[in-house]
Amino acid sequence: MQQAQKSKLPRATGVTPPDDLRDELRALVSTIGEQPTLDRLSISRPTFGRVMAGLPVRVGTLAHIREQLQAHAPKGTHHVRA
């Protein structure tokens, strides 16, 4: 499991989403589609776009996404943990 890291982009605030989280989101979109993923995670499309692009987001946003993924995970699967 990778940890989110403080962004190294100039003037950026927040943390960069780890690759394993982005991979998990990519797999979820492939399985259920983009809009159902946004609905399931309760996030906006711009926020989703930032995460998928690897751009910095707030620590709380990342924690919320991880929490939602874990809450909706089928029993017996391992998802990214906070």
Protein backbone atom coordinates (compact mmCIF):
# COMPACT_ATOMS: atom_id res chain seq x y z
CA MET A 1 0.00 0.00 0.00
CA GLN A 2 1.36 3.38 -1.00
CA GLN A 3 0.99 6.48 1.13
CA ALA A 4 -0.12 9.84 -0.17
CA GLN A 5 2.75 12.28 -0.36
CA LYS A 6 2.82 16.03 -0.09
CA SER A 7 2.74 17.45 -3.58
CA LYS A 8 6.04 18.56 -5.09
CA LEU A 9 4.35 20.86 -7.60
CA PRO A 10 5.17 24.56 -7.09
CA ARG A 11 2.54 26.42 -5.02
CA ALA A 12 0.44 23.26 -4.70
CA THR A 13 -1.26 22.40 -1.46
CA GLY A 14 -2.50 18.99 -0.48
CA VAL A 15 -1.28 15.49 -1.19
CA THR A 16 -0.76 13.52 -4.36
CA PRO A 17 -3.02 10.45 -4.61
CA PRO A 18 -1.02 7.20 -4.58
CA ASP A 19 -0.96 5.04 -7.71
CA ASP A 20 -2.69 2.09 -6.04
CA LEU A 21 -5.71 4.25 -5.16
CA ARG A 22 -5.86 5.57 -8.71
CA ASP A 23 -5.65 2.00 -10.05
CA GLU A 24 -8.51 0.96 -7.81
CA LEU A 25 -10.65 3.86 -9.01
CA ARG A 26 -9.81 3.05 -12.62
CA ALA A 27 -10.96 -0.55 -12.04
CA LEU A 28 -14.18 0.65 -10.41
CA VAL A 29 -14.97 2.91 -13.37
CA SER A 30 -14.31 0.00 -15.74
CA THR A 31 -16.71 -2.15 -13.74
CA ILE A 32 -19.64 0.17 -13.03
CA GLY A 33 -19.04 3.33 -15.09
CA GLU A 34 -18.03 6.89 -14.31
CA GLN A 35 -21.28 8.41 -13.02
CA PRO A 36 -22.09 5.47 -10.70
CA THR A 37 -18.53 5.74 -9.35
CA LEU A 38 -18.99 9.46 -8.66
CA ASP A 39 -22.32 8.73 -6.97
CA ARG A 40 -20.84 5.90 -4.90
CA LEU A 41 -17.90 8.01 -3.74
CA SER A 42 -19.98 11.18 -3.25
CA ILE A 43 -17.41 13.34 -5.03
CA SER A 44 -17.59 15.84 -7.85
CA ARG A 45 -16.33 15.20 -11.36
CA PRO A 46 -13.56 17.85 -11.04
CA THR A 47 -12.32 16.22 -7.82
CA PHE A 48 -12.40 12.82 -9.47
CA GLY A 49 -10.46 14.25 -12.40
CA ARG A 50 -7.78 15.68 -10.08
CA VAL A 51 -7.37 12.35 -8.32
CA MET A 52 -7.17 10.39 -11.56
CA ALA A 53 -4.64 12.86 -12.99
CA GLY A 54 -2.47 12.51 -9.90
CA LEU A 55 -2.90 16.17 -8.99
CA PRO A 56 -2.87 17.28 -5.35
CA VAL A 57 -6.09 17.04 -3.34
CA ARG A 58 -6.83 17.71 0.30
CA VAL A 59 -5.95 15.01 2.81
CA GLY A 60 -9.60 14.85 3.90
CA THR A 61 -10.74 14.27 0.32
CA LEU A 62 -8.40 11.31 0.00
CA ALA A 63 -9.57 9.94 3.34
CA HIS A 64 -13.22 10.31 2.23
CA ILE A 65 -12.57 8.43 -1.02
CA ARG A 66 -10.78 5.62 0.81
CA GLU A 67 -13.60 5.41 3.35
CA GLN A 68 -16.24 5.18 0.62
CA LEU A 69 -14.28 2.52 -1.25
CA GLN A 70 -13.98 0.47 1.91
CA ALA A 71 -17.65 0.94 2.83
CA HIS A 72 -18.80 -0.35 -0.57
CA ALA A 73 -16.21 -3.11 -0.91
CA PRO A 74 -17.61 -6.60 -1.33
CA LYS A 75 -16.85 -8.89 1.60
CA GLY A 76 -13.51 -10.66 1.34
CA THR A 77 -11.79 -8.08 -0.88
CA HIS A 78 -8.93 -5.87 0.08
CA HIS A 79 -9.17 -2.21 -0.75
CA VAL A 80 -6.83 0.70 -0.14
CA ARG A 81 -6.92 1.71 3.51
CA ALA A 82 -6.39 5.16 4.98
